[in-house]
Amino acid sequence: IGPNGAGKTTTINILATLLKPTSGMVSFNGYNVVKDSKKFLGLFGIPYIDAPSEGEATAAHLTITGQAFASATQDYDSILFGAKRTIRNFTNSGRRKIPNRNTYIEIEPELIDAKKTLKELGLTKEQIVDVGILIGTDFNPDGFTRIGPKTALKMIKEHSRLEKIPQIQDQLAEVEYEQIRKIFLEPKIAEVSEIKFGKIDYDGILKYLADERSFSPDRVQSSLNRLKKSIEKKSQTLEQWFS
């Protein structure tokens, strides 16, 4: 980001989800956020996957192949990518204030079973993608004028596909809907042969946080000790259960 022509508008549009980044890197205060995140996950023995395009697409593929039970995300695009199961609010449980109202609602984890949901709605996978395009996706965030979820569902159930809905044809001509469909129905994914967890590198974590990121060694060590005790306690409980 810099003077005119150096990417300010593009960056703002990406942050506003008006554009989807296709390549590049994210840095903060000189640190490569993605690279550092991968290193940190590796130190904890947590596997990660480099998705060639949308992360939700590869996550959905993992549920299809049975390598993952569900895709944990707030993004409904997971369903459009074909995830067998999607878990929303996985880490966001609690209370949330409704915008512009002095009202709070309870947020609880939500499991969406794609097969069951599509059956209840009476839609195919292709049709739910068309519903998504009408409402708005990451690739056409504004959706179609004055069309919400109920209207979109009604239109697709009545006409079966976008091209057959008379009242949207003018808007449809301005949307690359076939390309958006292809993104969801034929996504670029990472093929994964095996997902394997490693061991936690306690010494490596301490060295990384204390030496490279200037965290307090004592506080890091204290947290690691609590983590180690917690894991050992759970391991003992499992051993007692199966003994």
Protein backbone atom coordinates (compact mmCIF):
# COMPACT_ATOMS: atom_id res chain seq x y z
CA ILE A 1 0.00 0.00 0.00
CA GLY A 2 1.42 3.36 -0.93
CA PRO A 3 0.91 6.32 -3.29
CA ASN A 4 -1.78 6.41 -5.97
CA GLY A 5 -1.81 3.23 -8.01
CA ALA A 6 -0.12 1.18 -5.29
CA GLY A 7 -3.13 -0.79 -4.14
CA LYS A 8 -5.07 1.25 -1.56
CA THR A 9 -8.45 0.90 -3.29
CA THR A 10 -7.93 -2.80 -3.97
CA THR A 11 -6.96 -3.41 -0.34
CA ILE A 12 -10.01 -1.54 0.95
CA ASN A 13 -12.28 -3.50 -1.41
CA ILE A 14 -10.77 -6.77 -0.20
CA LEU A 15 -11.31 -5.75 3.43
CA ALA A 16 -14.90 -4.84 2.57
CA THR A 17 -15.30 -8.25 0.82
CA LEU A 18 -16.02 -6.51 -2.47
CA LEU A 19 -13.05 -8.37 -3.94
CA LYS A 20 -11.60 -11.79 -3.18
CA PRO A 21 -7.79 -11.99 -2.94
CA THR A 22 -6.33 -14.63 -5.25
CA SER A 23 -2.70 -14.46 -4.15
CA GLY A 24 -0.24 -12.51 -2.05
CA MET A 25 0.66 -12.38 1.63
CA VAL A 26 -0.50 -10.72 4.82
CA SER A 27 2.03 -9.02 7.06
CA PHE A 28 1.68 -7.14 10.33
CA ASN A 29 4.46 -4.99 11.73
CA GLY A 30 6.88 -6.74 9.40
CA TYR A 31 5.80 -10.28 10.27
CA ASN A 32 4.33 -12.66 7.71
CA VAL A 33 1.08 -13.58 9.46
CA VAL A 34 0.35 -16.73 7.43
CA LYS A 35 3.90 -18.06 7.66
CA ASP A 36 4.07 -17.42 11.41
CA SER A 37 0.65 -19.03 11.95
CA LYS A 38 1.81 -22.18 10.17
CA LYS A 39 4.94 -22.33 12.29
CA PHE A 40 2.91 -21.91 15.47
CA LEU A 41 0.45 -24.65 14.49
CA GLY A 42 3.36 -26.95 13.67
CA LEU A 43 4.89 -26.42 17.11
CA PHE A 44 1.61 -27.56 18.65
CA GLY A 45 1.47 -30.61 16.38
CA ILE A 46 -1.65 -29.30 14.65
CA PRO A 47 -1.82 -30.16 10.92
CA TYR A 48 -2.75 -27.50 8.40
CA ILE A 49 -3.55 -27.51 4.70
CA ASP A 50 -2.58 -24.95 2.06
CA ALA A 51 -5.78 -24.49 0.07
CA PRO A 52 -5.22 -23.39 -3.55
CA SER A 53 -8.31 -21.20 -3.44
CA GLU A 54 -11.19 -20.97 -0.95
CA GLY A 55 -10.48 -22.57 2.42
CA GLU A 56 -14.14 -23.57 2.77
CA ALA A 57 -13.91 -25.50 -0.51
CA THR A 58 -11.08 -27.73 0.72
CA ALA A 59 -12.73 -28.08 4.14
CA ALA A 60 -15.96 -29.16 2.43
CA HIS A 61 -14.02 -31.70 0.37
CA LEU A 62 -12.56 -33.19 3.55
CA THR A 63 -16.08 -33.82 4.86
CA ILE A 64 -17.06 -35.42 1.55
CA THR A 65 -14.09 -37.81 1.64
CA GLY A 66 -14.71 -38.61 5.30
CA GLN A 67 -11.42 -37.12 6.49
CA ALA A 68 -13.30 -34.57 8.59
CA PHE A 69 -16.63 -34.80 10.39
CA ALA A 70 -17.65 -31.23 9.62
CA SER A 71 -16.43 -27.84 8.44
CA ALA A 72 -16.32 -25.36 11.34
CA THR A 73 -16.99 -21.90 9.93
CA GLN A 74 -19.37 -18.97 10.17
CA ASP A 75 -19.51 -18.79 6.37
CA TYR A 76 -22.58 -20.34 4.75
CA ASP A 77 -20.45 -20.77 1.61
CA SER A 78 -19.37 -24.05 3.21
CA ILE A 79 -22.81 -25.44 2.34
CA LEU A 80 -22.58 -24.14 -1.23
CA PHE A 81 -19.21 -25.88 -1.60
CA GLY A 82 -20.91 -29.14 -0.67
CA ALA A 83 -19.83 -29.75 2.93
CA LYS A 84 -21.71 -32.74 4.33
CA ARG A 85 -21.89 -31.02 7.70
CA THR A 86 -21.19 -27.45 8.76
CA ILE A 87 -20.73 -26.29 12.36
CA ARG A 88 -21.42 -22.62 13.04
CA ASN A 89 -20.72 -20.75 16.30
CA PHE A 90 -18.12 -23.38 17.17
CA THR A 91 -16.16 -20.86 19.26
CA ASN A 92 -18.72 -18.05 19.42
CA SER A 93 -21.19 -19.34 22.00
CA GLY A 94 -22.56 -16.83 24.50
CA ARG A 95 -24.67 -13.71 24.15
CA ARG A 96 -24.69 -11.32 21.22
CA LYS A 97 -26.33 -7.91 20.95
CA ILE A 98 -28.69 -7.37 18.02
CA PRO A 99 -27.58 -4.28 16.03
CA ASN A 100 -29.58 -1.10 16.72
CA ARG A 101 -31.64 -2.82 19.41
CA ASN A 102 -31.18 -3.16 23.15
CA THR A 103 -31.72 -6.89 22.84
CA TYR A 104 -29.41 -9.85 23.32
CA ILE A 105 -29.73 -13.35 21.92
CA GLU A 106 -28.08 -16.57 23.04
CA ILE A 107 -25.53 -17.95 20.57
CA GLU A 108 -25.15 -21.71 20.58
CA PRO A 109 -23.23 -24.11 18.32
CA GLU A 110 -25.25 -25.07 15.25
CA LEU A 111 -24.83 -28.26 13.22
CA ILE A 112 -26.13 -28.12 9.64
CA ASP A 113 -26.53 -31.47 7.90
CA ALA A 114 -26.51 -30.71 4.17
CA LYS A 115 -28.34 -33.84 3.03
CA LYS A 116 -31.12 -33.38 5.57
CA THR A 117 -31.40 -29.64 4.91
CA LEU A 118 -31.59 -30.01 1.12
CA LYS A 119 -34.22 -32.72 1.51
CA GLU A 120 -36.34 -30.52 3.78
CA LEU A 121 -36.04 -27.59 1.38
CA GLY A 122 -36.68 -29.75 -1.66
CA LEU A 123 -33.56 -28.49 -3.44
CA THR A 124 -30.59 -30.00 -5.25
CA LYS A 125 -27.00 -28.95 -4.63
CA GLU A 126 -27.07 -26.92 -7.85
CA GLN A 127 -30.25 -25.16 -6.78
CA ILE A 128 -28.95 -24.18 -3.34
CA VAL A 129 -26.03 -22.53 -5.13
CA ASP A 130 -28.51 -20.51 -7.20
CA VAL A 131 -30.32 -19.52 -4.00
CA GLY A 132 -26.98 -18.33 -2.63
CA ILE A 133 -26.27 -16.27 -5.74
CA LEU A 134 -29.66 -14.57 -5.46
CA ILE A 135 -29.08 -13.67 -1.81
CA GLY A 136 -25.41 -12.81 -2.32
CA THR A 137 -22.11 -14.66 -1.95
CA ASP A 138 -18.50 -13.60 -1.49
CA PHE A 139 -18.36 -13.33 -5.28
CA ASN A 140 -21.49 -11.16 -5.67
CA PRO A 141 -21.84 -9.70 -2.16
CA ASP A 142 -24.77 -7.41 -2.99
CA GLY A 143 -26.94 -10.22 -4.32
CA PHE A 144 -30.05 -9.27 -6.26
CA THR A 145 -32.14 -6.20 -5.45
CA ARG A 146 -34.91 -6.77 -2.90
CA ILE A 147 -34.37 -10.53 -2.79
CA GLY A 148 -33.87 -12.13 0.62
CA PRO A 149 -33.67 -15.79 1.68
CA LYS A 150 -37.42 -16.47 1.57
CA THR A 151 -37.92 -14.86 -1.84
CA ALA A 152 -34.82 -16.56 -3.27
CA LEU A 153 -35.99 -19.97 -2.07
CA LYS A 154 -39.48 -19.40 -3.47
CA MET A 155 -38.09 -18.31 -6.86
CA ILE A 156 -35.80 -21.32 -7.26
CA LYS A 157 -38.47 -23.80 -6.14
CA GLU A 158 -40.86 -22.27 -8.66
CA HIS A 159 -38.48 -21.80 -11.61
CA SER A 160 -35.71 -24.34 -10.77
CA ARG A 161 -32.77 -22.16 -11.95
CA LEU A 162 -31.68 -18.55 -12.38
CA GLU A 163 -32.11 -18.44 -16.15
CA LYS A 164 -35.81 -19.24 -15.85
CA ILE A 165 -36.76 -16.47 -13.40
CA PRO A 166 -38.35 -13.72 -15.57
CA GLN A 167 -38.12 -10.81 -13.14
CA ILE A 168 -34.33 -11.02 -12.59
CA GLN A 169 -33.09 -11.29 -16.18
CA ASP A 170 -31.89 -7.67 -16.43
CA GLN A 171 -29.82 -8.02 -13.26
CA LEU A 172 -28.69 -11.51 -14.20
CA ALA A 173 -27.13 -10.17 -17.40
CA GLU A 174 -24.77 -8.07 -15.24
CA VAL A 175 -23.66 -10.96 -13.01
CA GLU A 176 -21.10 -13.61 -13.94
CA TYR A 177 -23.39 -16.23 -12.44
CA GLU A 178 -22.07 -19.15 -14.50
CA GLN A 179 -18.55 -18.47 -13.25
CA ILE A 180 -19.83 -18.20 -9.67
CA ARG A 181 -21.67 -21.49 -10.06
CA LYS A 182 -18.49 -23.14 -11.29
CA ILE A 183 -16.54 -21.83 -8.30
CA PHE A 184 -18.95 -23.64 -5.97
CA LEU A 185 -19.71 -26.74 -8.02
CA GLU A 186 -16.20 -27.34 -9.40
CA PRO A 187 -13.96 -25.72 -6.78
CA LYS A 188 -10.18 -25.79 -6.69
CA ILE A 189 -9.23 -27.93 -3.72
CA ALA A 190 -6.19 -29.43 -2.04
CA GLU A 191 -6.12 -33.23 -2.26
CA VAL A 192 -5.03 -34.62 1.11
CA SER A 193 -3.97 -38.24 1.52
CA GLU A 194 -3.74 -38.18 5.31
CA ILE A 195 -4.33 -35.78 8.18
CA LYS A 196 -1.81 -36.54 10.88
CA PHE A 197 -1.37 -34.82 14.24
CA GLY A 198 2.11 -34.47 15.70
CA LYS A 199 3.47 -34.04 19.21
CA ILE A 200 3.59 -30.73 21.03
CA ASP A 201 7.08 -29.21 20.98
CA TYR A 202 7.07 -27.50 24.39
CA ASP A 203 10.69 -26.34 24.13
CA GLY A 204 10.10 -25.06 20.61
CA ILE A 205 7.04 -23.08 21.69
CA LEU A 206 8.94 -21.49 24.57
CA LYS A 207 11.86 -20.56 22.32
CA TYR A 208 9.57 -19.17 19.60
CA LEU A 209 7.41 -17.03 21.89
CA ALA A 210 10.14 -15.89 24.27
CA ASP A 211 13.09 -15.43 21.90
CA GLU A 212 11.40 -14.50 18.61
CA ARG A 213 8.24 -12.77 19.82
CA SER A 214 9.45 -11.26 23.11
CA PHE A 215 6.85 -12.89 25.36
CA SER A 216 7.68 -13.29 29.04
CA PRO A 217 9.50 -16.66 29.41
CA ASP A 218 8.00 -17.20 32.87
CA ARG A 219 4.43 -16.60 31.69
CA VAL A 220 4.88 -18.82 28.64
CA GLN A 221 6.39 -21.61 30.75
CA SER A 222 3.56 -21.30 33.27
CA SER A 223 0.96 -21.65 30.50
CA LEU A 224 2.78 -24.61 28.99
CA ASN A 225 2.92 -26.33 32.39
CA ARG A 226 -0.86 -25.93 32.76
CA LEU A 227 -1.37 -27.30 29.24
CA LYS A 228 0.87 -30.29 29.95
CA LYS A 229 -0.95 -31.09 33.21
CA SER A 230 -4.33 -30.82 31.48
CA ILE A 231 -3.28 -33.23 28.72
CA GLU A 232 -1.78 -35.69 31.21
CA LYS A 233 -4.98 -35.60 33.29
CA LYS A 234 -7.15 -36.34 30.26
CA SER A 235 -4.80 -39.14 29.21
CA GLN A 236 -5.05 -40.75 32.65
CA THR A 237 -8.85 -40.51 32.53
CA LEU A 238 -8.95 -42.28 29.16
CA GLU A 239 -6.59 -45.00 30.39
CA GLN A 240 -8.85 -45.63 33.39
CA TRP A 241 -11.89 -45.81 31.11
CA PHE A 242 -10.37 -48.49 28.86
CA SER A 243 -8.51 -50.42 31.57
